[in-house]
Amino acid sequence: MKVITAEVYGFCNGVKGALAKADEAIALAARLSLPCYLYGSIVHNREVARSFEAKGVRTILSPEGVEKGVVIIRTHGISDDLRKAFIDNGFIVADATCPVVLRNAEKARSASGPVLIIGKKGHSEIITLEGARKDAAVIESPDDLGSLDEGSYSAVIQTTLSLSLLQEIREEARRIGLEINELNTICGASESRRRALAAIIDEADAFVTVGDSSSANSKELRDMAASYGKPSYLVLSPEDLPSSIFSFGCVGLTAGASTPSSLFESVKKRLEEGR
């Protein structure tokens, strides 16, 4: 079997920076003899989460009911109110929020007039943006636009949103006469991974994305390959590869922005072994 690898895959700079800050926070907590916590999942990948557990980092969702210490904020960020609550309760906050998410939250916070947040309701990044602009309406699909009053809106977009979904929302907004001023674009790291996939998709008979099923950008890569009519799979480890993948002559391979290189290499190795 031939395996062709996308030119760009795996950890983005935001994730790399977040993991470096997390390691610094763990070291700081050890020096100060304080417990170290992680708010939620630092990235959407179970293997990364397990690595923090192995380092003795406990996951929490509130400053209540635990001894104060160092708390690492996930890459997708947290609401302004929750950040304040951690500080007010005496925690040392180690902010591993992606700089792109921080900029977008500030754009939402400072925008004049009505604001829209375009993205998946309940996603951790959307919760952060809602926390920065409490009066914003969340738009998850074109159907949500029908509840809006006529007029002009500023919009902040989830960094990993599907390009096709964003385009559908844009088209529906134009159709019903809404003016939407987009304050940001989809993350450049997400776009570069999509372009790298598109560059090799024609050569591949099937496609594998290495990533967690909770990762929005990993799922988008899988769905993008499927949109080209290719059998497309999302796997977290070599054990997740279906036996049918080994019947193809050429398999394309990429990884989401929260996928460690060790996982990517282990999946690649098994594909190359052909069994």
C-alpha atoms as a PDB file:
ATOM      1  CA  MET A   1       0.000   0.000   0.000  1.00  0.00           C
ATOM      2  CA  LYS A   2       1.144   3.516  -0.833  1.00  0.00           C
ATOM      3  CA  VAL A   3       0.642   6.149   1.887  1.00  0.00           C
ATOM      4  CA  ILE A   4       0.733   9.837   0.947  1.00  0.00           C
ATOM      5  CA  THR A   5       0.943  12.380   3.735  1.00  0.00           C
ATOM      6  CA  ALA A   6      -0.493  15.875   3.712  1.00  0.00           C
ATOM      7  CA  GLU A   7       2.182  18.555   3.767  1.00  0.00           C
ATOM      8  CA  VAL A   8       0.629  20.206   6.844  1.00  0.00           C
ATOM      9  CA  TYR A   9      -0.901  18.173   9.691  1.00  0.00           C
ATOM     10  CA  GLY A  10      -0.964  17.749  13.458  1.00  0.00           C
ATOM     11  CA  PHE A  11      -0.302  20.256  16.227  1.00  0.00           C
ATOM     12  CA  CYS A  12      -0.824  23.899  15.291  1.00  0.00           C
ATOM     13  CA  ASN A  13       1.220  26.679  16.897  1.00  0.00           C
ATOM     14  CA  GLY A  14      -1.620  27.458  19.296  1.00  0.00           C
ATOM     15  CA  VAL A  15      -1.630  23.904  20.643  1.00  0.00           C
ATOM     16  CA  LYS A  16       2.166  23.784  20.841  1.00  0.00           C
ATOM     17  CA  GLY A  17       2.176  27.039  22.800  1.00  0.00           C
ATOM     18  CA  ALA A  18      -0.606  25.835  25.099  1.00  0.00           C
ATOM     19  CA  LEU A  19       1.216  22.611  25.961  1.00  0.00           C
ATOM     20  CA  ALA A  20       4.420  24.552  26.665  1.00  0.00           C
ATOM     21  CA  LYS A  21       2.525  26.901  29.003  1.00  0.00           C
ATOM     22  CA  ALA A  22       0.917  23.920  30.698  1.00  0.00           C
ATOM     23  CA  ASP A  23       4.317  22.355  31.389  1.00  0.00           C
ATOM     24  CA  GLU A  24       5.491  25.683  32.855  1.00  0.00           C
ATOM     25  CA  ALA A  25       2.410  25.779  35.085  1.00  0.00           C
ATOM     26  CA  ILE A  26       3.024  22.228  36.307  1.00  0.00           C
ATOM     27  CA  ALA A  27       6.608  23.156  37.185  1.00  0.00           C
ATOM     28  CA  LEU A  28       5.432  26.337  38.969  1.00  0.00           C
ATOM     29  CA  ALA A  29       2.922  24.399  41.038  1.00  0.00           C
ATOM     30  CA  ALA A  30       5.627  21.928  42.046  1.00  0.00           C
ATOM     31  CA  ARG A  31       7.980  24.751  43.111  1.00  0.00           C
ATOM     32  CA  LEU A  32       5.240  26.370  45.190  1.00  0.00           C
ATOM     33  CA  SER A  33       4.006  23.017  46.582  1.00  0.00           C
ATOM     34  CA  LEU A  34       0.537  23.739  45.210  1.00  0.00           C
ATOM     35  CA  PRO A  35      -1.907  21.445  43.448  1.00  0.00           C
ATOM     36  CA  CYS A  36      -2.137  21.868  39.690  1.00  0.00           C
ATOM     37  CA  TYR A  37      -5.468  21.729  37.890  1.00  0.00           C
ATOM     38  CA  LEU A  38      -6.669  21.824  34.331  1.00  0.00           C
ATOM     39  CA  TYR A  39      -9.935  23.473  33.422  1.00  0.00           C
ATOM     40  CA  GLY A  40     -11.698  21.044  31.080  1.00  0.00           C
ATOM     41  CA  SER A  41      -9.690  19.452  28.266  1.00  0.00           C
ATOM     42  CA  ILE A  42      -6.679  21.481  27.193  1.00  0.00           C
ATOM     43  CA  VAL A  43      -7.283  20.215  23.642  1.00  0.00           C
ATOM     44  CA  HIS A  44      -9.835  17.805  22.213  1.00  0.00           C
ATOM     45  CA  ASN A  45      -7.704  14.669  22.334  1.00  0.00           C
ATOM     46  CA  ARG A  46      -8.016  11.833  24.831  1.00  0.00           C
ATOM     47  CA  GLU A  47      -4.360  10.846  24.629  1.00  0.00           C
ATOM     48  CA  VAL A  48      -3.263  14.367  25.535  1.00  0.00           C
ATOM     49  CA  ALA A  49      -5.716  14.331  28.450  1.00  0.00           C
ATOM     50  CA  ARG A  50      -4.234  11.052  29.701  1.00  0.00           C
ATOM     51  CA  SER A  51      -0.736  12.531  29.568  1.00  0.00           C
ATOM     52  CA  PHE A  52      -1.812  15.281  31.974  1.00  0.00           C
ATOM     53  CA  GLU A  53      -3.414  12.765  34.316  1.00  0.00           C
ATOM     54  CA  ALA A  54      -0.109  10.900  34.372  1.00  0.00           C
ATOM     55  CA  LYS A  55       1.588  14.119  35.518  1.00  0.00           C
ATOM     56  CA  GLY A  56      -0.811  14.418  38.442  1.00  0.00           C
ATOM     57  CA  VAL A  57      -2.897  17.232  36.964  1.00  0.00           C
ATOM     58  CA  ARG A  58      -6.519  17.063  38.068  1.00  0.00           C
ATOM     59  CA  THR A  59      -9.339  18.258  35.809  1.00  0.00           C
ATOM     60  CA  ILE A  60     -11.866  20.645  37.369  1.00  0.00           C
ATOM     61  CA  LEU A  61     -14.793  22.696  36.074  1.00  0.00           C
ATOM     62  CA  SER A  62     -15.103  25.203  38.920  1.00  0.00           C
ATOM     63  CA  PRO A  63     -12.966  26.858  41.607  1.00  0.00           C
ATOM     64  CA  GLU A  64     -15.433  25.613  44.188  1.00  0.00           C
ATOM     65  CA  GLY A  65     -14.729  22.652  46.444  1.00  0.00           C
ATOM     66  CA  VAL A  66     -11.011  22.261  45.741  1.00  0.00           C
ATOM     67  CA  GLU A  67      -7.853  23.536  47.392  1.00  0.00           C
ATOM     68  CA  LYS A  68      -6.604  26.674  45.665  1.00  0.00           C
ATOM     69  CA  GLY A  69      -3.580  26.201  43.444  1.00  0.00           C
ATOM     70  CA  VAL A  70      -2.493  26.690  39.831  1.00  0.00           C
ATOM     71  CA  VAL A  71      -5.189  26.276  37.190  1.00  0.00           C
ATOM     72  CA  ILE A  72      -4.384  25.848  33.501  1.00  0.00           C
ATOM     73  CA  ILE A  73      -6.946  27.363  31.147  1.00  0.00           C
ATOM     74  CA  ARG A  74      -7.692  25.227  28.078  1.00  0.00           C
ATOM     75  CA  THR A  75      -6.795  26.346  24.539  1.00  0.00           C
ATOM     76  CA  HIS A  76     -10.446  27.154  23.768  1.00  0.00           C
ATOM     77  CA  GLY A  77     -10.565  29.558  26.718  1.00  0.00           C
ATOM     78  CA  ILE A  78     -13.194  30.237  29.389  1.00  0.00           C
ATOM     79  CA  SER A  79     -15.808  32.905  30.042  1.00  0.00           C
ATOM     80  CA  ASP A  80     -14.842  36.218  31.602  1.00  0.00           C
ATOM     81  CA  ASP A  81     -16.952  35.440  34.684  1.00  0.00           C
ATOM     82  CA  LEU A  82     -15.281  32.080  35.283  1.00  0.00           C
ATOM     83  CA  ARG A  83     -11.801  33.563  34.862  1.00  0.00           C
ATOM     84  CA  LYS A  84     -12.677  36.188  37.477  1.00  0.00           C
ATOM     85  CA  ALA A  85     -14.043  33.498  39.786  1.00  0.00           C
ATOM     86  CA  PHE A  86     -10.748  31.601  39.716  1.00  0.00           C
ATOM     87  CA  ILE A  87      -8.791  34.769  40.453  1.00  0.00           C
ATOM     88  CA  ASP A  88     -11.173  35.876  43.212  1.00  0.00           C
ATOM     89  CA  ASN A  89     -10.847  32.450  44.834  1.00  0.00           C
ATOM     90  CA  GLY A  90      -7.063  32.780  45.034  1.00  0.00           C
ATOM     91  CA  PHE A  91      -5.981  30.583  42.132  1.00  0.00           C
ATOM     92  CA  ILE A  92      -2.910  31.298  40.028  1.00  0.00           C
ATOM     93  CA  VAL A  93      -4.235  31.316  36.463  1.00  0.00           C
ATOM     94  CA  ALA A  94      -1.953  29.885  33.763  1.00  0.00           C
ATOM     95  CA  ASP A  95      -3.644  30.968  30.554  1.00  0.00           C
ATOM     96  CA  ALA A  96      -3.097  28.501  27.715  1.00  0.00           C
ATOM     97  CA  THR A  97      -5.914  29.985  25.613  1.00  0.00           C
ATOM     98  CA  CYS A  98      -5.067  30.117  21.916  1.00  0.00           C
ATOM     99  CA  PRO A  99      -4.057  33.694  20.967  1.00  0.00           C
ATOM    100  CA  VAL A 100      -6.516  33.567  18.060  1.00  0.00           C
ATOM    101  CA  VAL A 101      -9.389  32.764  20.428  1.00  0.00           C
ATOM    102  CA  LEU A 102      -8.290  35.545  22.792  1.00  0.00           C
ATOM    103  CA  ARG A 103      -8.274  38.057  19.910  1.00  0.00           C
ATOM    104  CA  ASN A 104     -11.697  36.940  18.754  1.00  0.00           C
ATOM    105  CA  ALA A 105     -13.104  37.235  22.272  1.00  0.00           C
ATOM    106  CA  GLU A 106     -11.792  40.793  22.456  1.00  0.00           C
ATOM    107  CA  LYS A 107     -13.365  41.589  19.075  1.00  0.00           C
ATOM    108  CA  ALA A 108     -16.708  40.317  20.350  1.00  0.00           C
ATOM    109  CA  ARG A 109     -16.292  42.216  23.612  1.00  0.00           C
ATOM    110  CA  SER A 110     -15.489  45.569  21.978  1.00  0.00           C
ATOM    111  CA  ALA A 111     -17.746  45.468  18.900  1.00  0.00           C
ATOM    112  CA  SER A 112     -20.418  48.141  18.663  1.00  0.00           C
ATOM    113  CA  GLY A 113     -24.012  47.272  17.803  1.00  0.00           C
ATOM    114  CA  PRO A 114     -25.568  43.794  17.786  1.00  0.00           C
ATOM    115  CA  VAL A 115     -23.144  40.856  17.649  1.00  0.00           C
ATOM    116  CA  LEU A 116     -23.479  37.332  16.281  1.00  0.00           C
ATOM    117  CA  ILE A 117     -21.339  34.350  17.236  1.00  0.00           C
ATOM    118  CA  ILE A 118     -21.247  31.856  14.370  1.00  0.00           C
ATOM    119  CA  GLY A 119     -20.439  28.319  15.442  1.00  0.00           C
ATOM    120  CA  LYS A 120     -21.612  25.158  17.153  1.00  0.00           C
ATOM    121  CA  LYS A 121     -23.728  25.787  20.230  1.00  0.00           C
ATOM    122  CA  GLY A 122     -22.131  24.292  23.330  1.00  0.00           C
ATOM    123  CA  HIS A 123     -18.627  24.094  21.815  1.00  0.00           C
ATOM    124  CA  SER A 124     -16.027  25.258  24.339  1.00  0.00           C
ATOM    125  CA  GLU A 125     -14.812  28.071  22.081  1.00  0.00           C
ATOM    126  CA  ILE A 126     -18.372  29.320  21.607  1.00  0.00           C
ATOM    127  CA  ILE A 127     -18.891  29.303  25.387  1.00  0.00           C
ATOM    128  CA  THR A 128     -15.794  31.495  25.701  1.00  0.00           C
ATOM    129  CA  LEU A 129     -17.084  33.941  23.076  1.00  0.00           C
ATOM    130  CA  GLU A 130     -20.527  34.025  24.699  1.00  0.00           C
ATOM    131  CA  GLY A 131     -18.821  34.824  27.986  1.00  0.00           C
ATOM    132  CA  ALA A 132     -17.096  37.790  26.348  1.00  0.00           C
ATOM    133  CA  ARG A 133     -20.315  39.120  24.807  1.00  0.00           C
ATOM    134  CA  LYS A 134     -23.375  38.022  26.756  1.00  0.00           C
ATOM    135  CA  ASP A 135     -25.915  39.759  24.501  1.00  0.00           C
ATOM    136  CA  ALA A 136     -24.688  38.016  21.335  1.00  0.00           C
ATOM    137  CA  ALA A 137     -26.882  35.575  19.431  1.00  0.00           C
ATOM    138  CA  VAL A 138     -25.311  32.218  18.523  1.00  0.00           C
ATOM    139  CA  ILE A 139     -25.874  31.174  14.901  1.00  0.00           C
ATOM    140  CA  GLU A 140     -25.315  27.456  14.371  1.00  0.00           C
ATOM    141  CA  SER A 141     -27.112  27.022  11.037  1.00  0.00           C
ATOM    142  CA  PRO A 142     -28.779  29.126   8.331  1.00  0.00           C
ATOM    143  CA  ASP A 143     -32.141  28.449  10.008  1.00  0.00           C
ATOM    144  CA  ASP A 144     -31.059  30.438  13.080  1.00  0.00           C
ATOM    145  CA  LEU A 145     -30.874  33.637  11.007  1.00  0.00           C
ATOM    146  CA  GLY A 146     -34.655  33.710  10.678  1.00  0.00           C
ATOM    147  CA  SER A 147     -35.040  34.770  14.309  1.00  0.00           C
ATOM    148  CA  LEU A 148     -33.012  37.950  13.816  1.00  0.00           C
ATOM    149  CA  ASP A 149     -34.400  41.425  13.245  1.00  0.00           C
ATOM    150  CA  GLU A 150     -33.487  43.180  10.010  1.00  0.00           C
ATOM    151  CA  GLY A 151     -30.326  45.215  10.104  1.00  0.00           C
ATOM    152  CA  SER A 152     -26.557  45.069  10.337  1.00  0.00           C
ATOM    153  CA  TYR A 153     -24.613  42.713  12.612  1.00  0.00           C
ATOM    154  CA  SER A 154     -20.999  42.154  13.565  1.00  0.00           C
ATOM    155  CA  ALA A 155     -20.019  38.492  13.686  1.00  0.00           C
ATOM    156  CA  VAL A 156     -17.283  36.463  15.334  1.00  0.00           C
ATOM    157  CA  ILE A 157     -16.702  33.031  13.766  1.00  0.00           C
ATOM    158  CA  GLN A 158     -15.611  29.816  15.470  1.00  0.00           C
ATOM    159  CA  THR A 159     -12.004  29.239  14.409  1.00  0.00           C
ATOM    160  CA  THR A 160     -12.629  25.641  13.298  1.00  0.00           C
ATOM    161  CA  LEU A 161     -16.035  26.101  11.681  1.00  0.00           C
ATOM    162  CA  SER A 162     -16.781  24.165   8.499  1.00  0.00           C
ATOM    163  CA  LEU A 163     -16.150  26.353   5.456  1.00  0.00           C
ATOM    164  CA  SER A 164     -19.173  24.921   3.692  1.00  0.00           C
ATOM    165  CA  LEU A 165     -21.435  25.687   6.658  1.00  0.00           C
ATOM    166  CA  LEU A 166     -20.102  29.237   6.881  1.00  0.00           C
ATOM    167  CA  GLN A 167     -20.832  29.724   3.199  1.00  0.00           C
ATOM    168  CA  GLU A 168     -24.395  28.454   3.665  1.00  0.00           C
ATOM    169  CA  ILE A 169     -24.919  30.966   6.483  1.00  0.00           C
ATOM    170  CA  ARG A 170     -23.502  33.778   4.346  1.00  0.00           C
ATOM    171  CA  GLU A 171     -25.792  32.920   1.443  1.00  0.00           C
ATOM    172  CA  GLU A 172     -28.892  32.735   3.630  1.00  0.00           C
ATOM    173  CA  ALA A 173     -28.025  36.075   5.241  1.00  0.00           C
ATOM    174  CA  ARG A 174     -27.789  37.692   1.803  1.00  0.00           C
ATOM    175  CA  ARG A 175     -31.038  36.048   0.726  1.00  0.00           C
ATOM    176  CA  ILE A 176     -33.030  37.477   3.629  1.00  0.00           C
ATOM    177  CA  GLY A 177     -31.311  40.855   3.509  1.00  0.00           C
ATOM    178  CA  LEU A 178     -29.132  40.707   6.619  1.00  0.00           C
ATOM    179  CA  GLU A 179     -25.827  42.564   6.572  1.00  0.00           C
ATOM    180  CA  ILE A 180     -23.112  40.662   8.431  1.00  0.00           C
ATOM    181  CA  ASN A 181     -19.684  42.160   9.035  1.00  0.00           C
ATOM    182  CA  GLU A 182     -17.298  39.300   9.816  1.00  0.00           C
ATOM    183  CA  LEU A 183     -14.777  40.439  12.420  1.00  0.00           C
ATOM    184  CA  ASN A 184     -12.470  37.449  11.914  1.00  0.00           C
ATOM    185  CA  THR A 185     -11.868  34.513   9.610  1.00  0.00           C
ATOM    186  CA  ILE A 186     -11.550  30.802  10.218  1.00  0.00           C
ATOM    187  CA  CYS A 187      -8.172  29.978  11.789  1.00  0.00           C
ATOM    188  CA  GLY A 188      -5.261  29.947   9.346  1.00  0.00           C
ATOM    189  CA  ALA A 189      -4.041  26.647  10.820  1.00  0.00           C
ATOM    190  CA  SER A 190      -7.367  25.004   9.996  1.00  0.00           C
ATOM    191  CA  GLU A 191      -7.318  26.427   6.477  1.00  0.00           C
ATOM    192  CA  SER A 192      -3.742  25.281   5.818  1.00  0.00           C
ATOM    193  CA  ARG A 193      -4.621  21.720   6.826  1.00  0.00           C
ATOM    194  CA  ARG A 194      -7.613  21.750   4.491  1.00  0.00           C
ATOM    195  CA  ARG A 195      -5.522  23.048   1.589  1.00  0.00           C
ATOM    196  CA  ALA A 196      -2.898  20.364   2.237  1.00  0.00           C
ATOM    197  CA  LEU A 197      -5.606  17.696   2.162  1.00  0.00           C
ATOM    198  CA  ALA A 198      -7.039  19.041  -1.088  1.00  0.00           C
ATOM    199  CA  ALA A 199      -3.583  18.933  -2.682  1.00  0.00           C
ATOM    200  CA  ILE A 200      -3.336  15.133  -2.355  1.00  0.00           C
ATOM    201  CA  ILE A 201      -6.963  13.999  -2.388  1.00  0.00           C
ATOM    202  CA  ASP A 202      -7.097  13.172  -6.112  1.00  0.00           C
ATOM    203  CA  GLU A 203      -4.191  10.742  -5.789  1.00  0.00           C
ATOM    204  CA  ALA A 204      -5.707   8.851  -2.851  1.00  0.00           C
ATOM    205  CA  ASP A 205      -8.199   5.995  -3.109  1.00  0.00           C
ATOM    206  CA  ALA A 206      -9.240   6.517   0.524  1.00  0.00           C
ATOM    207  CA  PHE A 207      -8.372   8.939   3.306  1.00  0.00           C
ATOM    208  CA  VAL A 208      -7.518   8.676   6.997  1.00  0.00           C
ATOM    209  CA  THR A 209      -7.553  11.545   9.479  1.00  0.00           C
ATOM    210  CA  VAL A 210      -5.845  10.948  12.812  1.00  0.00           C
ATOM    211  CA  GLY A 211      -7.687  12.755  15.565  1.00  0.00           C
ATOM    212  CA  ASP A 212     -10.241  12.590  18.332  1.00  0.00           C
ATOM    213  CA  SER A 213     -13.948  12.358  17.561  1.00  0.00           C
ATOM    214  CA  SER A 214     -14.498  15.378  19.839  1.00  0.00           C
ATOM    215  CA  SER A 215     -12.154  17.529  17.725  1.00  0.00           C
ATOM    216  CA  ALA A 216     -14.072  19.840  15.391  1.00  0.00           C
ATOM    217  CA  ASN A 217     -11.171  20.391  12.990  1.00  0.00           C
ATOM    218  CA  SER A 218     -10.397  16.654  12.816  1.00  0.00           C
ATOM    219  CA  LYS A 219     -14.010  15.864  11.955  1.00  0.00           C
ATOM    220  CA  GLU A 220     -13.992  18.625   9.342  1.00  0.00           C
ATOM    221  CA  LEU A 221     -10.950  17.056   7.637  1.00  0.00           C
ATOM    222  CA  ARG A 222     -12.657  13.662   7.576  1.00  0.00           C
ATOM    223  CA  ASP A 223     -15.836  15.203   6.158  1.00  0.00           C
ATOM    224  CA  MET A 224     -13.892  17.202   3.588  1.00  0.00           C
ATOM    225  CA  ALA A 225     -12.249  14.045   2.215  1.00  0.00           C
ATOM    226  CA  ALA A 226     -15.654  12.342   2.122  1.00  0.00           C
ATOM    227  CA  SER A 227     -17.081  15.282   0.149  1.00  0.00           C
ATOM    228  CA  TYR A 228     -14.672  14.346  -2.663  1.00  0.00           C
ATOM    229  CA  GLY A 229     -16.327  10.935  -2.818  1.00  0.00           C
ATOM    230  CA  LYS A 230     -13.464   9.139  -1.071  1.00  0.00           C
ATOM    231  CA  PRO A 231     -13.946   6.558   1.689  1.00  0.00           C
ATOM    232  CA  SER A 232     -12.901   8.606   4.707  1.00  0.00           C
ATOM    233  CA  TYR A 233     -12.054   7.537   8.249  1.00  0.00           C
ATOM    234  CA  LEU A 234     -11.343   9.324  11.530  1.00  0.00           C
ATOM    235  CA  VAL A 235      -9.139   7.283  13.884  1.00  0.00           C
ATOM    236  CA  LEU A 236      -7.426   8.002  17.177  1.00  0.00           C
ATOM    237  CA  SER A 237      -4.936   5.118  17.058  1.00  0.00           C
ATOM    238  CA  PRO A 238      -3.760   2.266  14.801  1.00  0.00           C
ATOM    239  CA  GLU A 239      -6.257  -0.036  16.527  1.00  0.00           C
ATOM    240  CA  ASP A 240      -9.114   2.079  15.166  1.00  0.00           C
ATOM    241  CA  LEU A 241      -8.176   1.436  11.528  1.00  0.00           C
ATOM    242  CA  PRO A 242     -10.846  -0.674   9.815  1.00  0.00           C
ATOM    243  CA  SER A 243      -9.633  -3.799   8.039  1.00  0.00           C
ATOM    244  CA  SER A 244     -11.125  -2.477   4.793  1.00  0.00           C
ATOM    245  CA  ILE A 245      -8.532   0.315   4.647  1.00  0.00           C
ATOM    246  CA  PHE A 246      -5.858  -2.220   3.675  1.00  0.00           C
ATOM    247  CA  SER A 247      -7.683  -3.098   0.465  1.00  0.00           C
ATOM    248  CA  PHE A 248      -6.903   0.278  -1.103  1.00  0.00           C
ATOM    249  CA  GLY A 249      -3.854   0.857  -3.258  1.00  0.00           C
ATOM    250  CA  CYS A 250      -3.183   4.431  -2.092  1.00  0.00           C
ATOM    251  CA  VAL A 251      -4.295   6.033   1.186  1.00  0.00           C
ATOM    252  CA  GLY A 252      -4.049   9.729   2.028  1.00  0.00           C
ATOM    253  CA  LEU A 253      -3.165  10.647   5.603  1.00  0.00           C
ATOM    254  CA  THR A 254      -3.521  13.786   7.700  1.00  0.00           C
ATOM    255  CA  ALA A 255      -4.120  14.758  11.350  1.00  0.00           C
ATOM    256  CA  GLY A 256      -6.116  17.357  13.237  1.00  0.00           C
ATOM    257  CA  ALA A 257      -4.497  20.311  14.981  1.00  0.00           C
ATOM    258  CA  SER A 258      -4.783  18.657  18.414  1.00  0.00           C
ATOM    259  CA  THR A 259      -3.210  15.324  17.396  1.00  0.00           C
ATOM    260  CA  PRO A 260       0.235  14.426  18.833  1.00  0.00           C
ATOM    261  CA  SER A 261       2.861  13.401  16.298  1.00  0.00           C
ATOM    262  CA  SER A 262       3.323  10.077  18.110  1.00  0.00           C
ATOM    263  CA  LEU A 263      -0.249   9.060  17.268  1.00  0.00           C
ATOM    264  CA  PHE A 264       0.116  10.183  13.672  1.00  0.00           C
ATOM    265  CA  GLU A 265       3.348   8.219  13.228  1.00  0.00           C
ATOM    266  CA  SER A 266       1.891   5.074  14.787  1.00  0.00           C
ATOM    267  CA  VAL A 267      -1.084   5.143  12.383  1.00  0.00           C
ATOM    268  CA  LYS A 268       1.208   5.859   9.444  1.00  0.00           C
ATOM    269  CA  LYS A 269       3.468   2.937  10.390  1.00  0.00           C
ATOM    270  CA  ARG A 270       0.603   0.477  10.478  1.00  0.00           C
ATOM    271  CA  LEU A 271      -0.742   1.680   7.142  1.00  0.00           C
ATOM    272  CA  GLU A 272       2.689   1.308   5.566  1.00  0.00           C
ATOM    273  CA  GLU A 273       2.975  -2.203   6.973  1.00  0.00           C
ATOM    274  CA  GLY A 274      -0.309  -2.977   5.233  1.00  0.00           C
ATOM    275  CA  ARG A 275      -1.861  -4.959   8.062  1.00  0.00           C
END
